[in-house]
Amino acid sequence: MEPRTFLQRLLARPEFGPFVLLVGEIIVFTLMAPSFLSTGNISNLLAFTPELGMIALGMTMLMTSGEFDLSVGSVFGFAPIIMWTLYNTGATSLEVGFIAGMLMAVVVGFANGWFVTKLKIPSFLVTLGMLLVVRGTALYLTDGFPQGRWSADSPLMDIIVGDFYIGQLRIFTSLLWFIFFALILGYILTQTKFGNWIQAAGGNASAASARGVRVARTKVILFILTSVMAAFAGIVSSIRVSSANPNSGTGYELEVIAMVVIGGTALNGGRGTIIGTVLGVLILRLMRNGIVMVGVPGLAYNIFIGAIILAMMSLHSWLERRHHAGT
């Protein structure tokens, strides 16, 4: 078999398709709406993109191990409910409320992982049940109404969602958190033994276990990570928009999975890419923004998502076949 050229290796990368799609998307929307690349529009995009992006990073790690989590949207909405309820009632400081919200996410993630690994229940069923439990708890605690007061004399507000300007471009601290998490998780997935365990667990759990990989422990850790990332993203969003709504995050689980799959992570596990997920996040967030700016009804957004998923899955399948054929 002849060694493949640089171009062949580039085409075989799972990130190649998403990168081409992202570039094409930017070109098309810029030609159709010149204000698409305006400073104001870019600032708006950078404000809300990191929130779903952080959930997608955690989901990438989990899906690479062969599992996924449908409860992330409800955790996204519930964590800030806990934080602000404790603070608004005077029960704790905002910092303690933040820790309580994050600990709740740890408990949810651990429960998901325990049911999946110990009781051998498919993650689809476990996390679907957890979605209903967590969302129902949030609605019960709040009677279905958003929380009230949104000002707090705490440095936590600036640390999580502070902002600064680069020229006229407004940057939120949440973007820096997103970049930080992407770098850390990307390094873990590709450069560490734990990253090898994640990919081995998703590729062939039985073979990985026979080789000494702690598959169950690895998956439990990843369920906790995914839940914690969703909780942090929800708290970021609640501070940014000054609202903690028990219905926040509804439908996010499917959009996040779409971002991860479009980015090139295998739906059945064994292969994941943080770079691809970042591209997938940008593709869908730019799509949501761009179709509105060019005059397409916002309700048509799901049509575009579905079309992109089908197109990217076809491309990944074709590239995979070529890769195995060595051409």
Protein backbone atom coordinates (compact mmCIF):
# COMPACT_ATOMS: atom_id res chain seq x y z
CA MET A 1 0.00 0.00 0.00
CA GLU A 2 1.47 3.36 -1.05
CA PRO A 3 1.83 6.06 1.62
CA ARG A 4 -0.94 8.61 1.45
CA THR A 5 -0.21 12.17 0.39
CA PHE A 6 -0.72 15.18 2.64
CA LEU A 7 -3.96 16.01 0.79
CA GLN A 8 -5.29 12.50 1.34
CA ARG A 9 -4.46 12.69 5.04
CA LEU A 10 -6.13 16.09 5.25
CA LEU A 11 -9.29 14.83 3.56
CA ALA A 12 -9.41 11.89 5.97
CA ARG A 13 -9.48 14.18 9.01
CA PRO A 14 -12.96 14.31 10.59
CA GLU A 15 -12.55 18.09 11.02
CA PHE A 16 -12.04 18.73 7.31
CA GLY A 17 -15.71 18.62 6.33
CA PRO A 18 -16.92 20.89 9.16
CA PHE A 19 -14.13 23.39 8.40
CA VAL A 20 -15.11 23.61 4.72
CA LEU A 21 -18.77 23.97 5.68
CA LEU A 22 -17.99 26.74 8.17
CA VAL A 23 -15.94 28.71 5.65
CA GLY A 24 -18.64 28.29 3.01
CA GLU A 25 -21.29 29.39 5.48
CA ILE A 26 -19.40 32.56 6.37
CA ILE A 27 -18.87 33.43 2.70
CA VAL A 28 -22.52 32.87 1.74
CA PHE A 29 -23.98 34.84 4.66
CA THR A 30 -21.49 37.68 4.19
CA LEU A 31 -22.41 38.00 0.51
CA MET A 32 -26.13 37.91 1.28
CA ALA A 33 -25.96 40.17 4.36
CA PRO A 34 -22.83 42.39 4.55
CA SER A 35 -23.63 43.25 8.18
CA PHE A 36 -23.11 39.58 9.09
CA LEU A 37 -19.45 40.29 9.88
CA SER A 38 -20.12 43.62 11.58
CA THR A 39 -18.62 44.21 15.01
CA GLY A 40 -22.02 44.32 16.66
CA ASN A 41 -23.14 41.02 15.16
CA ILE A 42 -19.89 39.26 16.02
CA SER A 43 -20.19 40.54 19.60
CA ASN A 44 -23.68 39.07 19.84
CA LEU A 45 -22.49 35.73 18.46
CA LEU A 46 -19.60 35.57 20.90
CA ALA A 47 -21.94 36.33 23.80
CA PHE A 48 -24.19 33.27 23.54
CA THR A 49 -22.07 30.77 21.59
CA PRO A 50 -19.90 29.63 24.57
CA GLU A 51 -22.89 28.44 26.59
CA LEU A 52 -24.01 25.65 24.27
CA GLY A 53 -20.37 25.21 23.32
CA MET A 54 -19.35 24.25 26.84
CA ILE A 55 -22.07 21.60 27.00
CA ALA A 56 -20.94 20.31 23.61
CA LEU A 57 -17.36 19.91 24.84
CA GLY A 58 -18.48 17.68 27.70
CA MET A 59 -20.81 15.76 25.38
CA THR A 60 -17.91 15.13 22.99
CA MET A 61 -15.93 13.38 25.69
CA LEU A 62 -18.96 11.31 26.72
CA MET A 63 -19.99 10.36 23.18
CA THR A 64 -16.43 9.32 22.39
CA SER A 65 -16.81 6.76 25.18
CA GLY A 66 -19.95 5.42 23.52
CA GLU A 67 -22.59 7.11 25.69
CA PHE A 68 -24.63 10.31 25.57
CA ASP A 69 -26.66 12.42 27.99
CA LEU A 70 -30.16 13.72 27.31
CA SER A 71 -30.42 15.42 30.71
CA VAL A 72 -27.96 18.26 29.99
CA GLY A 73 -30.71 20.70 28.99
CA SER A 74 -32.58 20.22 32.25
CA VAL A 75 -29.36 20.50 34.29
CA PHE A 76 -28.63 23.72 32.36
CA GLY A 77 -31.93 25.12 33.63
CA PHE A 78 -31.84 23.65 37.14
CA ALA A 79 -28.36 24.65 38.34
CA PRO A 80 -29.05 28.42 38.28
CA ILE A 81 -32.42 27.80 39.95
CA ILE A 82 -30.58 26.27 42.90
CA MET A 83 -27.98 29.04 43.04
CA TRP A 84 -30.39 31.96 42.86
CA THR A 85 -33.03 30.37 45.10
CA LEU A 86 -30.49 29.90 47.87
CA TYR A 87 -29.17 33.43 47.41
CA ASN A 88 -32.52 35.23 47.01
CA THR A 89 -33.96 33.58 50.13
CA GLY A 90 -30.92 34.64 52.15
CA ALA A 91 -29.98 31.03 52.90
CA THR A 92 -26.45 31.34 51.53
CA SER A 93 -24.06 33.66 49.78
CA LEU A 94 -23.95 33.61 45.99
CA GLU A 95 -20.66 31.70 46.10
CA VAL A 96 -22.13 28.95 48.27
CA GLY A 97 -25.19 28.84 46.01
CA PHE A 98 -22.88 28.40 43.02
CA ILE A 99 -21.11 25.50 44.73
CA ALA A 100 -24.49 23.95 45.59
CA GLY A 101 -25.58 24.15 41.97
CA MET A 102 -22.38 22.52 40.79
CA LEU A 103 -22.63 19.78 43.44
CA MET A 104 -26.15 19.05 42.23
CA ALA A 105 -24.67 18.50 38.78
CA VAL A 106 -22.10 16.10 40.23
CA VAL A 107 -24.89 14.09 41.87
CA VAL A 108 -26.92 13.97 38.64
CA GLY A 109 -23.88 12.94 36.60
CA PHE A 110 -22.88 10.27 39.10
CA ALA A 111 -26.43 8.90 39.16
CA ASN A 112 -26.50 8.73 35.36
CA GLY A 113 -23.16 6.94 35.29
CA TRP A 114 -24.11 4.52 38.06
CA PHE A 115 -27.35 3.46 36.39
CA VAL A 116 -25.58 2.99 33.05
CA THR A 117 -22.48 1.14 34.27
CA LYS A 118 -23.77 -0.81 37.26
CA LEU A 119 -27.33 -1.63 36.23
CA LYS A 120 -26.47 -1.83 32.51
CA ILE A 121 -29.39 0.37 31.48
CA PRO A 122 -28.87 2.16 28.13
CA SER A 123 -27.84 5.78 28.55
CA PHE A 124 -30.74 6.88 26.35
CA LEU A 125 -33.28 5.58 28.88
CA VAL A 126 -31.35 6.63 31.99
CA THR A 127 -30.76 10.21 30.90
CA LEU A 128 -34.26 10.57 29.47
CA GLY A 129 -35.60 9.67 32.91
CA MET A 130 -33.15 12.05 34.57
CA LEU A 131 -34.21 14.82 32.19
CA LEU A 132 -37.79 14.49 33.48
CA VAL A 133 -36.73 14.24 37.14
CA VAL A 134 -34.48 17.31 37.04
CA ARG A 135 -36.84 19.43 34.94
CA GLY A 136 -39.78 18.44 37.11
CA THR A 137 -37.87 19.35 40.28
CA ALA A 138 -37.00 22.77 38.86
CA LEU A 139 -40.64 23.43 37.98
CA TYR A 140 -41.83 22.23 41.38
CA LEU A 141 -39.39 24.41 43.34
CA THR A 142 -40.28 27.55 41.38
CA ASP A 143 -43.99 26.86 40.69
CA GLY A 144 -43.01 27.29 37.05
CA PHE A 145 -41.95 30.93 37.46
CA PRO A 146 -38.50 32.48 36.90
CA GLN A 147 -36.49 33.60 39.88
CA GLY A 148 -36.61 37.24 40.95
CA ARG A 149 -33.61 39.37 41.91
CA TRP A 150 -30.51 39.50 39.70
CA SER A 151 -28.00 41.79 41.33
CA ALA A 152 -25.39 40.47 43.72
CA ASP A 153 -22.35 42.10 45.24
CA SER A 154 -20.03 39.25 44.40
CA PRO A 155 -16.80 38.94 42.40
CA LEU A 156 -18.26 35.69 41.08
CA MET A 157 -20.41 37.72 38.68
CA ASP A 158 -17.39 39.23 36.95
CA ILE A 159 -15.33 36.04 37.06
CA ILE A 160 -18.03 34.01 35.31
CA VAL A 161 -19.59 36.60 33.01
CA GLY A 162 -17.49 39.72 33.10
CA ASP A 163 -16.92 41.63 29.89
CA PHE A 164 -14.31 43.84 28.26
CA TYR A 165 -13.80 45.52 24.91
CA ILE A 166 -11.23 45.00 22.19
CA GLY A 167 -11.86 48.11 20.14
CA GLN A 168 -15.62 48.01 19.54
CA LEU A 169 -15.78 44.23 19.99
CA ARG A 170 -17.41 43.22 23.27
CA ILE A 171 -15.94 40.03 24.76
CA PHE A 172 -17.55 38.13 27.63
CA THR A 173 -15.48 36.13 30.10
CA SER A 174 -17.59 33.11 29.17
CA LEU A 175 -15.77 33.01 25.82
CA LEU A 176 -12.46 32.71 27.65
CA TRP A 177 -13.90 29.88 29.75
CA PHE A 178 -15.02 28.12 26.58
CA ILE A 179 -11.56 28.42 25.03
CA PHE A 180 -9.93 27.25 28.26
CA PHE A 181 -12.17 24.17 28.51
CA ALA A 182 -11.64 23.37 24.83
CA LEU A 183 -7.85 23.45 25.23
CA ILE A 184 -7.87 21.34 28.40
CA LEU A 185 -10.32 18.72 27.15
CA GLY A 186 -8.64 18.59 23.74
CA TYR A 187 -5.32 17.87 25.43
CA ILE A 188 -6.85 15.22 27.69
CA LEU A 189 -8.55 13.45 24.79
CA THR A 190 -5.55 13.35 22.48
CA GLN A 191 -2.45 13.47 24.69
CA THR A 192 -3.18 11.52 27.87
CA LYS A 193 -3.72 7.94 28.97
CA PHE A 194 -7.20 8.85 30.16
CA GLY A 195 -7.98 10.05 26.64
CA ASN A 196 -6.88 6.68 25.30
CA TRP A 197 -9.17 5.01 27.83
CA ILE A 198 -12.09 7.14 26.62
CA GLN A 199 -11.57 6.17 22.99
CA ALA A 200 -10.97 2.52 23.86
CA ALA A 201 -14.14 2.38 25.96
CA GLY A 202 -16.15 3.72 23.04
CA GLY A 203 -14.47 1.60 20.41
CA ASN A 204 -14.75 -1.80 22.10
CA ALA A 205 -15.60 -1.78 25.80
CA SER A 206 -15.03 -5.51 26.29
CA ALA A 207 -11.60 -5.47 24.67
CA ALA A 208 -10.67 -2.31 26.55
CA SER A 209 -11.69 -3.89 29.87
CA ALA A 210 -9.63 -6.99 29.06
CA ARG A 211 -6.61 -4.74 28.55
CA GLY A 212 -7.00 -3.13 31.96
CA VAL A 213 -9.04 -0.06 31.05
CA ARG A 214 -11.41 0.91 33.87
CA VAL A 215 -14.35 1.35 31.54
CA ALA A 216 -17.06 1.82 34.18
CA ARG A 217 -15.05 4.38 36.17
CA THR A 218 -14.13 6.24 32.99
CA LYS A 219 -17.76 6.53 31.91
CA VAL A 220 -18.95 7.65 35.35
CA ILE A 221 -16.32 10.42 35.35
CA LEU A 222 -17.46 11.52 31.89
CA PHE A 223 -21.13 11.59 32.91
CA ILE A 224 -20.16 13.81 35.85
CA LEU A 225 -18.04 16.04 33.59
CA THR A 226 -20.88 16.47 31.09
CA SER A 227 -23.37 17.35 33.81
CA VAL A 228 -20.98 19.82 35.46
CA MET A 229 -20.31 21.54 32.15
CA ALA A 230 -24.06 21.88 31.57
CA ALA A 231 -24.56 23.34 35.07
CA PHE A 232 -21.74 25.85 34.61
CA ALA A 233 -23.11 26.88 31.22
CA GLY A 234 -26.57 27.36 32.73
CA ILE A 235 -25.23 29.59 35.49
CA VAL A 236 -23.29 31.60 32.92
CA SER A 237 -26.47 32.07 30.89
CA SER A 238 -28.56 33.05 33.92
CA ILE A 239 -26.12 35.80 34.87
CA ARG A 240 -25.81 37.06 31.29
CA VAL A 241 -29.56 37.31 30.60
CA SER A 242 -30.60 38.09 34.20
CA SER A 243 -33.06 35.23 34.32
CA ALA A 244 -33.20 31.74 35.83
CA ASN A 245 -36.13 30.09 34.14
CA PRO A 246 -36.96 26.46 35.06
CA ASN A 247 -37.68 25.83 31.37
CA SER A 248 -34.27 27.10 30.23
CA GLY A 249 -32.31 24.63 28.16
CA THR A 250 -35.34 22.82 26.74
CA GLY A 251 -34.24 21.08 23.54
CA TYR A 252 -30.57 21.88 24.08
CA GLU A 253 -29.66 18.21 24.43
CA LEU A 254 -30.51 17.46 20.80
CA GLU A 255 -28.87 20.61 19.46
CA VAL A 256 -25.69 19.82 21.40
CA ILE A 257 -25.60 16.26 20.07
CA ALA A 258 -26.05 17.69 16.56
CA MET A 259 -23.07 20.02 17.10
CA VAL A 260 -20.89 17.14 18.25
CA VAL A 261 -21.91 14.83 15.41
CA ILE A 262 -21.51 17.53 12.77
CA GLY A 263 -18.05 18.18 14.16
CA GLY A 264 -16.97 14.61 13.38
CA THR A 265 -17.37 12.68 16.64
CA ALA A 266 -18.69 9.18 16.01
CA LEU A 267 -22.22 8.71 17.32
CA ASN A 268 -21.47 5.12 18.36
CA GLY A 269 -18.21 6.06 20.13
CA GLY A 270 -14.55 5.34 19.63
CA ARG A 271 -13.65 8.56 17.85
CA GLY A 272 -13.99 12.12 19.09
CA THR A 273 -12.59 15.51 18.20
CA ILE A 274 -12.74 18.66 20.32
CA ILE A 275 -11.60 20.80 17.37
CA GLY A 276 -14.42 19.38 15.29
CA THR A 277 -16.92 20.12 18.05
CA VAL A 278 -15.78 23.75 18.21
CA LEU A 279 -16.37 23.93 14.45
CA GLY A 280 -19.77 22.26 14.86
CA VAL A 281 -20.76 24.77 17.53
CA LEU A 282 -19.78 27.67 15.27
CA ILE A 283 -21.58 26.15 12.28
CA LEU A 284 -24.94 25.89 14.03
CA ARG A 285 -24.72 29.16 15.94
CA LEU A 286 -23.71 31.05 12.79
CA MET A 287 -26.51 29.27 10.93
CA ARG A 288 -29.11 30.37 13.49
CA ASN A 289 -27.87 33.96 13.27
CA GLY A 290 -27.30 34.05 9.52
CA ILE A 291 -30.65 32.73 8.34
CA VAL A 292 -32.40 35.44 10.34
CA MET A 293 -30.15 38.16 8.93
CA VAL A 294 -30.78 37.11 5.33
CA GLY A 295 -34.54 37.04 5.88
CA VAL A 296 -35.23 33.31 6.25
CA PRO A 297 -37.93 32.65 8.90
CA GLY A 298 -36.34 31.55 12.17
CA LEU A 299 -38.77 28.64 12.36
CA ALA A 300 -36.94 27.11 9.38
CA TYR A 301 -33.79 26.67 11.49
CA ASN A 302 -34.47 22.99 12.19
CA ILE A 303 -34.74 22.30 8.47
CA PHE A 304 -31.19 23.55 8.00
CA ILE A 305 -29.92 21.60 11.01
CA GLY A 306 -31.42 18.38 9.67
CA ALA A 307 -30.01 18.97 6.21
CA ILE A 308 -26.54 19.70 7.60
CA ILE A 309 -26.59 16.57 9.78
CA LEU A 310 -27.54 14.38 6.81
CA ALA A 311 -24.92 16.01 4.59
CA MET A 312 -22.15 15.73 7.17
CA MET A 313 -22.99 12.12 8.01
CA SER A 314 -22.84 11.27 4.30
CA LEU A 315 -19.49 13.03 4.00
CA HIS A 316 -18.05 11.32 7.09
CA SER A 317 -19.23 7.93 5.78
CA TRP A 318 -17.62 8.55 2.40
CA LEU A 319 -14.33 9.70 3.94
CA GLU A 320 -14.35 6.72 6.30
CA ARG A 321 -14.74 4.31 3.38
CA ARG A 322 -11.93 5.99 1.48
CA HIS A 323 -9.74 5.89 4.60
CA HIS A 324 -10.22 2.15 5.04
CA ALA A 325 -9.69 1.59 1.33
CA GLY A 326 -6.42 3.49 1.55
CA THR A 327 -7.28 5.84 -1.29
